[in-house]
Amino acid sequence: MPADWFERVELAGLNLQAGRRALALVAFDNAYSLATGAIAILEDDPPGDAWRDASILMRDLHLTAAQAASRGGQFEQSERLLGAIAERS
């Protein structure tokens, strides 16, 4: 794996932490943006498969984004994110 992959995983992990904090502070839009932004960072890897290479992190990011979407009234986005988790379980 390229070195920048590990940097992206680290950045995605930081976004997850920040997203969880935002969720706890009832900042649902911020939590959603942080988690989905991290998902995009990891999925921007054509040669690799983010779900294969960072499955737990991807699951946690999708779950955090789904929780934020649901609590913010974005139920379709929440269902889509939870569906992505279900597909890979």
PDB file of N, CA and C in Angstrom:
ATOM      1  N   MET A   1       0.830  -1.183   0.000  1.00  0.00           N
ATOM      2  CA  MET A   1       0.000   0.000   0.000  1.00  0.00           C
ATOM      3  C   MET A   1       0.876   1.249   0.000  1.00  0.00           C
ATOM      4  N   PRO A   2       0.437   2.256  -0.710  1.00  0.00           N
ATOM      5  CA  PRO A   2       1.228   3.490  -0.736  1.00  0.00           C
ATOM      6  C   PRO A   2       1.230   4.176   0.622  1.00  0.00           C
ATOM      7  N   ALA A   3       2.292   4.926   0.881  1.00  0.00           N
ATOM      8  CA  ALA A   3       2.443   5.606   2.163  1.00  0.00           C
ATOM      9  C   ALA A   3       1.297   6.573   2.420  1.00  0.00           C
ATOM     10  N   ASP A   4       0.806   7.210   1.355  1.00  0.00           N
ATOM     11  CA  ASP A   4      -0.266   8.180   1.585  1.00  0.00           C
ATOM     12  C   ASP A   4      -1.558   7.495   2.050  1.00  0.00           C
ATOM     13  N   TRP A   5      -1.702   6.198   1.809  1.00  0.00           N
ATOM     14  CA  TRP A   5      -2.861   5.457   2.321  1.00  0.00           C
ATOM     15  C   TRP A   5      -2.869   5.512   3.845  1.00  0.00           C
ATOM     16  N   PHE A   6      -1.729   5.290   4.450  1.00  0.00           N
ATOM     17  CA  PHE A   6      -1.652   5.304   5.910  1.00  0.00           C
ATOM     18  C   PHE A   6      -1.945   6.697   6.469  1.00  0.00           C
ATOM     19  N   GLU A   7      -1.526   7.715   5.746  1.00  0.00           N
ATOM     20  CA  GLU A   7      -1.841   9.083   6.156  1.00  0.00           C
ATOM     21  C   GLU A   7      -3.332   9.337   6.063  1.00  0.00           C
ATOM     22  N   ARG A   8      -3.970   8.826   5.022  1.00  0.00           N
ATOM     23  CA  ARG A   8      -5.417   8.995   4.875  1.00  0.00           C
ATOM     24  C   ARG A   8      -6.166   8.238   5.957  1.00  0.00           C
ATOM     25  N   VAL A   9      -5.685   7.055   6.326  1.00  0.00           N
ATOM     26  CA  VAL A   9      -6.316   6.297   7.408  1.00  0.00           C
ATOM     27  C   VAL A   9      -6.200   7.077   8.717  1.00  0.00           C
ATOM     28  N   GLU A  10      -5.035   7.656   8.950  1.00  0.00           N
ATOM     29  CA  GLU A  10      -4.837   8.447  10.164  1.00  0.00           C
ATOM     30  C   GLU A  10      -5.769   9.661  10.174  1.00  0.00           C
ATOM     31  N   LEU A  11      -5.865  10.354   9.053  1.00  0.00           N
ATOM     32  CA  LEU A  11      -6.745  11.511   8.950  1.00  0.00           C
ATOM     33  C   LEU A  11      -8.208  11.098   9.136  1.00  0.00           C
ATOM     34  N   ALA A  12      -8.598   9.993   8.546  1.00  0.00           N
ATOM     35  CA  ALA A  12      -9.973   9.503   8.702  1.00  0.00           C
ATOM     36  C   ALA A  12     -10.260   9.160  10.158  1.00  0.00           C
ATOM     37  N   GLY A  13      -9.292   8.589  10.851  1.00  0.00           N
ATOM     38  CA  GLY A  13      -9.456   8.290  12.273  1.00  0.00           C
ATOM     39  C   GLY A  13      -9.638   9.551  13.103  1.00  0.00           C
ATOM     40  N   LEU A  14      -8.901  10.588  12.773  1.00  0.00           N
ATOM     41  CA  LEU A  14      -9.058  11.870  13.468  1.00  0.00           C
ATOM     42  C   LEU A  14     -10.434  12.469  13.189  1.00  0.00           C
ATOM     43  N   ASN A  15     -10.881  12.358  11.938  1.00  0.00           N
ATOM     44  CA  ASN A  15     -12.216  12.838  11.600  1.00  0.00           C
ATOM     45  C   ASN A  15     -13.283  12.064  12.370  1.00  0.00           C
ATOM     46  N   LEU A  16     -13.076  10.761  12.541  1.00  0.00           N
ATOM     47  CA  LEU A  16     -14.027   9.954  13.302  1.00  0.00           C
ATOM     48  C   LEU A  16     -14.108  10.443  14.738  1.00  0.00           C
ATOM     49  N   GLN A  17     -12.967  10.684  15.346  1.00  0.00           N
ATOM     50  CA  GLN A  17     -12.954  11.190  16.725  1.00  0.00           C
ATOM     51  C   GLN A  17     -13.690  12.522  16.817  1.00  0.00           C
ATOM     52  N   ALA A  18     -13.396  13.409  15.897  1.00  0.00           N
ATOM     53  CA  ALA A  18     -14.053  14.720  15.901  1.00  0.00           C
ATOM     54  C   ALA A  18     -15.545  14.578  15.626  1.00  0.00           C
ATOM     55  N   GLY A  19     -15.905  13.680  14.732  1.00  0.00           N
ATOM     56  CA  GLY A  19     -17.316  13.449  14.435  1.00  0.00           C
ATOM     57  C   GLY A  19     -18.072  12.908  15.631  1.00  0.00           C
ATOM     58  N   ARG A  20     -17.461  12.012  16.360  1.00  0.00           N
ATOM     59  CA  ARG A  20     -18.096  11.480  17.569  1.00  0.00           C
ATOM     60  C   ARG A  20     -18.276  12.572  18.620  1.00  0.00           C
ATOM     61  N   ARG A  21     -17.288  13.441  18.742  1.00  0.00           N
ATOM     62  CA  ARG A  21     -17.406  14.562  19.695  1.00  0.00           C
ATOM     63  C   ARG A  21     -18.541  15.501  19.268  1.00  0.00           C
ATOM     64  N   ALA A  22     -18.602  15.783  17.975  1.00  0.00           N
ATOM     65  CA  ALA A  22     -19.666  16.647  17.461  1.00  0.00           C
ATOM     66  C   ALA A  22     -21.040  16.015  17.696  1.00  0.00           C
ATOM     67  N   LEU A  23     -21.126  14.706  17.509  1.00  0.00           N
ATOM     68  CA  LEU A  23     -22.383  13.999  17.752  1.00  0.00           C
ATOM     69  C   LEU A  23     -22.790  14.134  19.211  1.00  0.00           C
ATOM     70  N   ALA A  24     -21.835  13.991  20.105  1.00  0.00           N
ATOM     71  CA  ALA A  24     -22.113  14.110  21.543  1.00  0.00           C
ATOM     72  C   ALA A  24     -22.526  15.528  21.923  1.00  0.00           C
ATOM     73  N   LEU A  25     -22.071  16.500  21.157  1.00  0.00           N
ATOM     74  CA  LEU A  25     -22.394  17.903  21.431  1.00  0.00           C
ATOM     75  C   LEU A  25     -23.641  18.373  20.672  1.00  0.00           C
ATOM     76  N   VAL A  26     -24.338  17.428  20.064  1.00  0.00           N
ATOM     77  CA  VAL A  26     -25.565  17.689  19.310  1.00  0.00           C
ATOM     78  C   VAL A  26     -25.299  18.562  18.078  1.00  0.00           C
ATOM     79  N   ALA A  27     -24.122  18.479  17.542  1.00  0.00           N
ATOM     80  CA  ALA A  27     -23.769  19.185  16.310  1.00  0.00           C
ATOM     81  C   ALA A  27     -23.857  18.177  15.162  1.00  0.00           C
ATOM     82  N   PHE A  28     -25.087  17.813  14.823  1.00  0.00           N
ATOM     83  CA  PHE A  28     -25.316  16.714  13.895  1.00  0.00           C
ATOM     84  C   PHE A  28     -24.781  16.987  12.492  1.00  0.00           C
ATOM     85  N   ASP A  29     -24.957  18.208  11.993  1.00  0.00           N
ATOM     86  CA  ASP A  29     -24.449  18.530  10.655  1.00  0.00           C
ATOM     87  C   ASP A  29     -22.931  18.409  10.603  1.00  0.00           C
ATOM     88  N   ASN A  30     -22.264  18.893  11.644  1.00  0.00           N
ATOM     89  CA  ASN A  30     -20.803  18.791  11.693  1.00  0.00           C
ATOM     90  C   ASN A  30     -20.358  17.334  11.782  1.00  0.00           C
ATOM     91  N   ALA A  31     -21.020  16.554  12.608  1.00  0.00           N
ATOM     92  CA  ALA A  31     -20.673  15.140  12.753  1.00  0.00           C
ATOM     93  C   ALA A  31     -20.834  14.422  11.423  1.00  0.00           C
ATOM     94  N   TYR A  32     -21.930  14.704  10.735  1.00  0.00           N
ATOM     95  CA  TYR A  32     -22.190  14.076   9.433  1.00  0.00           C
ATOM     96  C   TYR A  32     -21.107  14.455   8.423  1.00  0.00           C
ATOM     97  N   SER A  33     -20.780  15.725   8.371  1.00  0.00           N
ATOM     98  CA  SER A  33     -19.751  16.200   7.428  1.00  0.00           C
ATOM     99  C   SER A  33     -18.390  15.590   7.712  1.00  0.00           C
ATOM    100  N   LEU A  34     -18.027  15.509   8.970  1.00  0.00           N
ATOM    101  CA  LEU A  34     -16.729  14.923   9.333  1.00  0.00           C
ATOM    102  C   LEU A  34     -16.663  13.449   8.961  1.00  0.00           C
ATOM    103  N   ALA A  35     -17.717  12.711   9.275  1.00  0.00           N
ATOM    104  CA  ALA A  35     -17.706  11.273   8.993  1.00  0.00           C
ATOM    105  C   ALA A  35     -17.767  10.990   7.498  1.00  0.00           C
ATOM    106  N   THR A  36     -18.637  11.681   6.780  1.00  0.00           N
ATOM    107  CA  THR A  36     -18.731  11.422   5.338  1.00  0.00           C
ATOM    108  C   THR A  36     -17.495  11.932   4.602  1.00  0.00           C
ATOM    109  N   GLY A  37     -16.897  12.991   5.116  1.00  0.00           N
ATOM    110  CA  GLY A  37     -15.644  13.459   4.524  1.00  0.00           C
ATOM    111  C   GLY A  37     -14.543  12.432   4.672  1.00  0.00           C
ATOM    112  N   ALA A  38     -14.491  11.787   5.830  1.00  0.00           N
ATOM    113  CA  ALA A  38     -13.487  10.743   6.054  1.00  0.00           C
ATOM    114  C   ALA A  38     -13.741   9.534   5.167  1.00  0.00           C
ATOM    115  N   ILE A  39     -15.014   9.197   4.972  1.00  0.00           N
ATOM    116  CA  ILE A  39     -15.348   8.087   4.073  1.00  0.00           C
ATOM    117  C   ILE A  39     -14.836   8.396   2.672  1.00  0.00           C
ATOM    118  N   ALA A  40     -15.066   9.622   2.226  1.00  0.00           N
ATOM    119  CA  ALA A  40     -14.605  10.018   0.890  1.00  0.00           C
ATOM    120  C   ALA A  40     -13.089   9.955   0.782  1.00  0.00           C
ATOM    121  N   ILE A  41     -12.398  10.347   1.842  1.00  0.00           N
ATOM    122  CA  ILE A  41     -10.928  10.285   1.842  1.00  0.00           C
ATOM    123  C   ILE A  41     -10.458   8.842   1.639  1.00  0.00           C
ATOM    124  N   LEU A  42     -11.096   7.920   2.322  1.00  0.00           N
ATOM    125  CA  LEU A  42     -10.680   6.516   2.222  1.00  0.00           C
ATOM    126  C   LEU A  42     -11.116   5.880   0.907  1.00  0.00           C
ATOM    127  N   GLU A  43     -12.254   6.285   0.394  1.00  0.00           N
ATOM    128  CA  GLU A  43     -12.743   5.690  -0.855  1.00  0.00           C
ATOM    129  C   GLU A  43     -12.031   6.244  -2.074  1.00  0.00           C
ATOM    130  N   ASP A  44     -11.248   7.267  -1.908  1.00  0.00           N
ATOM    131  CA  ASP A  44     -10.496   7.863  -3.014  1.00  0.00           C
ATOM    132  C   ASP A  44      -9.204   7.079  -3.233  1.00  0.00           C
ATOM    133  N   ASP A  45      -9.350   5.790  -3.365  1.00  0.00           N
ATOM    134  CA  ASP A  45      -8.190   4.902  -3.514  1.00  0.00           C
ATOM    135  C   ASP A  45      -8.525   3.835  -4.551  1.00  0.00           C
ATOM    136  N   PRO A  46      -8.509   4.195  -5.846  1.00  0.00           N
ATOM    137  CA  PRO A  46      -8.921   3.245  -6.878  1.00  0.00           C
ATOM    138  C   PRO A  46      -8.223   1.890  -6.822  1.00  0.00           C
ATOM    139  N   PRO A  47      -6.911   1.810  -6.555  1.00  0.00           N
ATOM    140  CA  PRO A  47      -6.293   0.488  -6.558  1.00  0.00           C
ATOM    141  C   PRO A  47      -6.689  -0.377  -5.361  1.00  0.00           C
ATOM    142  N   GLY A  48      -7.174   0.249  -4.284  1.00  0.00           N
ATOM    143  CA  GLY A  48      -7.484  -0.511  -3.077  1.00  0.00           C
ATOM    144  C   GLY A  48      -8.966  -0.531  -2.773  1.00  0.00           C
ATOM    145  N   ASP A  49      -9.299  -1.250  -1.765  1.00  0.00           N
ATOM    146  CA  ASP A  49     -10.670  -1.343  -1.311  1.00  0.00           C
ATOM    147  C   ASP A  49     -10.698  -0.922   0.153  1.00  0.00           C
ATOM    148  N   ALA A  50     -11.255   0.241   0.410  1.00  0.00           N
ATOM    149  CA  ALA A  50     -11.256   0.782   1.770  1.00  0.00           C
ATOM    150  C   ALA A  50     -11.952  -0.151   2.751  1.00  0.00           C
ATOM    151  N   TRP A  51     -13.015  -0.807   2.308  1.00  0.00           N
ATOM    152  CA  TRP A  51     -13.717  -1.735   3.214  1.00  0.00           C
ATOM    153  C   TRP A  51     -12.845  -2.933   3.545  1.00  0.00           C
ATOM    154  N   ARG A  52     -12.007  -3.351   2.631  1.00  0.00           N
ATOM    155  CA  ARG A  52     -11.115  -4.486   2.886  1.00  0.00           C
ATOM    156  C   ARG A  52      -9.927  -4.056   3.737  1.00  0.00           C
ATOM    157  N   ASP A  53      -9.374  -2.888   3.433  1.00  0.00           N
ATOM    158  CA  ASP A  53      -8.141  -2.449   4.069  1.00  0.00           C
ATOM    159  C   ASP A  53      -8.344  -1.748   5.410  1.00  0.00           C
ATOM    160  N   ALA A  54      -9.541  -1.237   5.654  1.00  0.00           N
ATOM    161  CA  ALA A  54      -9.821  -0.522   6.908  1.00  0.00           C
ATOM    162  C   ALA A  54     -11.282  -0.753   7.299  1.00  0.00           C
ATOM    163  N   SER A  55     -11.664  -2.006   7.426  1.00  0.00           N
ATOM    164  CA  SER A  55     -13.073  -2.354   7.597  1.00  0.00           C
ATOM    165  C   SER A  55     -13.683  -1.794   8.877  1.00  0.00           C
ATOM    166  N   ILE A  56     -12.974  -1.870   9.976  1.00  0.00           N
ATOM    167  CA  ILE A  56     -13.529  -1.380  11.239  1.00  0.00           C
ATOM    168  C   ILE A  56     -13.698   0.136  11.190  1.00  0.00           C
ATOM    169  N   LEU A  57     -12.714   0.817  10.656  1.00  0.00           N
ATOM    170  CA  LEU A  57     -12.793   2.271  10.534  1.00  0.00           C
ATOM    171  C   LEU A  57     -13.941   2.665   9.603  1.00  0.00           C
ATOM    172  N   MET A  58     -14.076   1.983   8.482  1.00  0.00           N
ATOM    173  CA  MET A  58     -15.174   2.279   7.554  1.00  0.00           C
ATOM    174  C   MET A  58     -16.525   2.027   8.219  1.00  0.00           C
ATOM    175  N   ARG A  59     -16.640   0.935   8.955  1.00  0.00           N
ATOM    176  CA  ARG A  59     -17.897   0.649   9.659  1.00  0.00           C
ATOM    177  C   ARG A  59     -18.219   1.756  10.655  1.00  0.00           C
ATOM    178  N   ASP A  60     -17.221   2.153  11.441  1.00  0.00           N
ATOM    179  CA  ASP A  60     -17.434   3.175  12.456  1.00  0.00           C
ATOM    180  C   ASP A  60     -17.767   4.532  11.839  1.00  0.00           C
ATOM    181  N   LEU A  61     -17.139   4.860  10.735  1.00  0.00           N
ATOM    182  CA  LEU A  61     -17.450   6.111  10.045  1.00  0.00           C
ATOM    183  C   LEU A  61     -18.872   6.099   9.502  1.00  0.00           C
ATOM    184  N   HIS A  62     -19.268   4.990   8.879  1.00  0.00           N
ATOM    185  CA  HIS A  62     -20.629   4.889   8.357  1.00  0.00           C
ATOM    186  C   HIS A  62     -21.657   4.946   9.490  1.00  0.00           C
ATOM    187  N   LEU A  63     -21.367   4.283  10.592  1.00  0.00           N
ATOM    188  CA  LEU A  63     -22.286   4.294  11.727  1.00  0.00           C
ATOM    189  C   LEU A  63     -22.417   5.688  12.324  1.00  0.00           C
ATOM    190  N   THR A  64     -21.301   6.385  12.492  1.00  0.00           N
ATOM    191  CA  THR A  64     -21.337   7.747  13.027  1.00  0.00           C
ATOM    192  C   THR A  64     -22.105   8.672  12.090  1.00  0.00           C
ATOM    193  N   ALA A  65     -21.848   8.560  10.797  1.00  0.00           N
ATOM    194  CA  ALA A  65     -22.568   9.392   9.826  1.00  0.00           C
ATOM    195  C   ALA A  65     -24.056   9.060   9.837  1.00  0.00           C
ATOM    196  N   ALA A  66     -24.397   7.779   9.940  1.00  0.00           N
ATOM    197  CA  ALA A  66     -25.808   7.375   9.968  1.00  0.00           C
ATOM    198  C   ALA A  66     -26.505   7.908  11.210  1.00  0.00           C
ATOM    199  N   GLN A  67     -25.839   7.844  12.347  1.00  0.00           N
ATOM    200  CA  GLN A  67     -26.425   8.375  13.579  1.00  0.00           C
ATOM    201  C   GLN A  67     -26.649   9.880  13.461  1.00  0.00           C
ATOM    202  N   ALA A  68     -25.662  10.582  12.933  1.00  0.00           N
ATOM    203  CA  ALA A  68     -25.792  12.032  12.778  1.00  0.00           C
ATOM    204  C   ALA A  68     -26.909  12.372  11.798  1.00  0.00           C
ATOM    205  N   ALA A  69     -26.991  11.633  10.706  1.00  0.00           N
ATOM    206  CA  ALA A  69     -28.040  11.885   9.720  1.00  0.00           C
ATOM    207  C   ALA A  69     -29.420  11.640  10.327  1.00  0.00           C
ATOM    208  N   SER A  70     -29.562  10.545  11.025  1.00  0.00           N
ATOM    209  CA  SER A  70     -30.846  10.208  11.636  1.00  0.00           C
ATOM    210  C   SER A  70     -31.269  11.253  12.658  1.00  0.00           C
ATOM    211  N   ARG A  71     -30.350  11.630  13.517  1.00  0.00           N
ATOM    212  CA  ARG A  71     -30.672  12.621  14.556  1.00  0.00           C
ATOM    213  C   ARG A  71     -30.929  14.001  13.960  1.00  0.00           C
ATOM    214  N   GLY A  72     -30.373  14.237  12.788  1.00  0.00           N
ATOM    215  CA  GLY A  72     -30.602  15.507  12.104  1.00  0.00           C
ATOM    216  C   GLY A  72     -31.793  15.474  11.164  1.00  0.00           C
ATOM    217  N   GLY A  73     -32.528  14.364  11.159  1.00  0.00           N
ATOM    218  CA  GLY A  73     -33.721  14.254  10.333  1.00  0.00           C
ATOM    219  C   GLY A  73     -33.472  13.826   8.896  1.00  0.00           C
ATOM    220  N   GLN A  74     -32.264  13.400   8.570  1.00  0.00           N
ATOM    221  CA  GLN A  74     -31.920  12.958   7.213  1.00  0.00           C
ATOM    222  C   GLN A  74     -32.018  11.431   7.152  1.00  0.00           C
ATOM    223  N   PHE A  75     -33.242  10.943   7.169  1.00  0.00           N
ATOM    224  CA  PHE A  75     -33.458   9.513   7.319  1.00  0.00           C
ATOM    225  C   PHE A  75     -33.032   8.696   6.107  1.00  0.00           C
ATOM    226  N   GLU A  76     -33.187   9.244   4.908  1.00  0.00           N
ATOM    227  CA  GLU A  76     -32.757   8.515   3.705  1.00  0.00           C
ATOM    228  C   GLU A  76     -31.248   8.311   3.692  1.00  0.00           C
ATOM    229  N   GLN A  77     -30.494   9.347   4.064  1.00  0.00           N
ATOM    230  CA  GLN A  77     -29.040   9.222   4.118  1.00  0.00           C
ATOM    231  C   GLN A  77     -28.642   8.206   5.182  1.00  0.00           C
ATOM    232  N   SER A  78     -29.341   8.232   6.298  1.00  0.00           N
ATOM    233  CA  SER A  78     -29.045   7.286   7.368  1.00  0.00           C
ATOM    234  C   SER A  78     -29.259   5.854   6.896  1.00  0.00           C
ATOM    235  N   GLU A  79     -30.372   5.601   6.224  1.00  0.00           N
ATOM    236  CA  GLU A  79     -30.653   4.262   5.707  1.00  0.00           C
ATOM    237  C   GLU A  79     -29.609   3.827   4.689  1.00  0.00           C
ATOM    238  N   ARG A  80     -29.184   4.756   3.836  1.00  0.00           N
ATOM    239  CA  ARG A  80     -28.164   4.431   2.821  1.00  0.00           C
ATOM    240  C   ARG A  80     -26.848   4.032   3.490  1.00  0.00           C
ATOM    241  N   LEU A  81     -26.462   4.776   4.504  1.00  0.00           N
ATOM    242  CA  LEU A  81     -25.207   4.480   5.214  1.00  0.00           C
ATOM    243  C   LEU A  81     -25.299   3.157   5.959  1.00  0.00           C
ATOM    244  N   LEU A  82     -26.425   2.914   6.611  1.00  0.00           N
ATOM    245  CA  LEU A  82     -26.595   1.636   7.316  1.00  0.00           C
ATOM    246  C   LEU A  82     -26.649   0.476   6.331  1.00  0.00           C
ATOM    247  N   GLY A  83     -27.222   0.712   5.156  1.00  0.00           N
ATOM    248  CA  GLY A  83     -27.239  -0.316   4.112  1.00  0.00           C
ATOM    249  C   GLY A  83     -25.842  -0.683   3.644  1.00  0.00           C
ATOM    250  N   ALA A  84     -24.960   0.306   3.577  1.00  0.00           N
ATOM    251  CA  ALA A  84     -23.578   0.025   3.178  1.00  0.00           C
ATOM    252  C   ALA A  84     -22.890  -0.879   4.208  1.00  0.00           C
ATOM    253  N   ILE A  85     -23.212  -0.659   5.484  1.00  0.00           N
ATOM    254  CA  ILE A  85     -22.651  -1.520   6.523  1.00  0.00           C
ATOM    255  C   ILE A  85     -23.201  -2.932   6.382  1.00  0.00           C
ATOM    256  N   ALA A  86     -24.510  -3.042   6.178  1.00  0.00           N
ATOM    257  CA  ALA A  86     -25.158  -4.349   6.057  1.00  0.00           C
ATOM    258  C   ALA A  86     -24.608  -5.142   4.869  1.00  0.00           C
ATOM    259  N   GLU A  87     -24.329  -4.459   3.769  1.00  0.00           N
ATOM    260  CA  GLU A  87     -23.784  -5.137   2.586  1.00  0.00           C
ATOM    261  C   GLU A  87     -22.434  -5.790   2.861  1.00  0.00           C
ATOM    262  N   ARG A  88     -21.699  -5.245   3.790  1.00  0.00           N
ATOM    263  CA  ARG A  88     -20.337  -5.733   4.032  1.00  0.00           C
ATOM    264  C   ARG A  88     -20.216  -6.547   5.311  1.00  0.00           C
ATOM    265  N   SER A  89     -21.337  -6.810   5.950  1.00  0.00           N
ATOM    266  CA  SER A  89     -21.312  -7.609   7.184  1.00  0.00           C
ATOM    267  C   SER A  89     -21.462  -9.083   6.885  1.00  0.00           C
TER     268      SER A  89
END
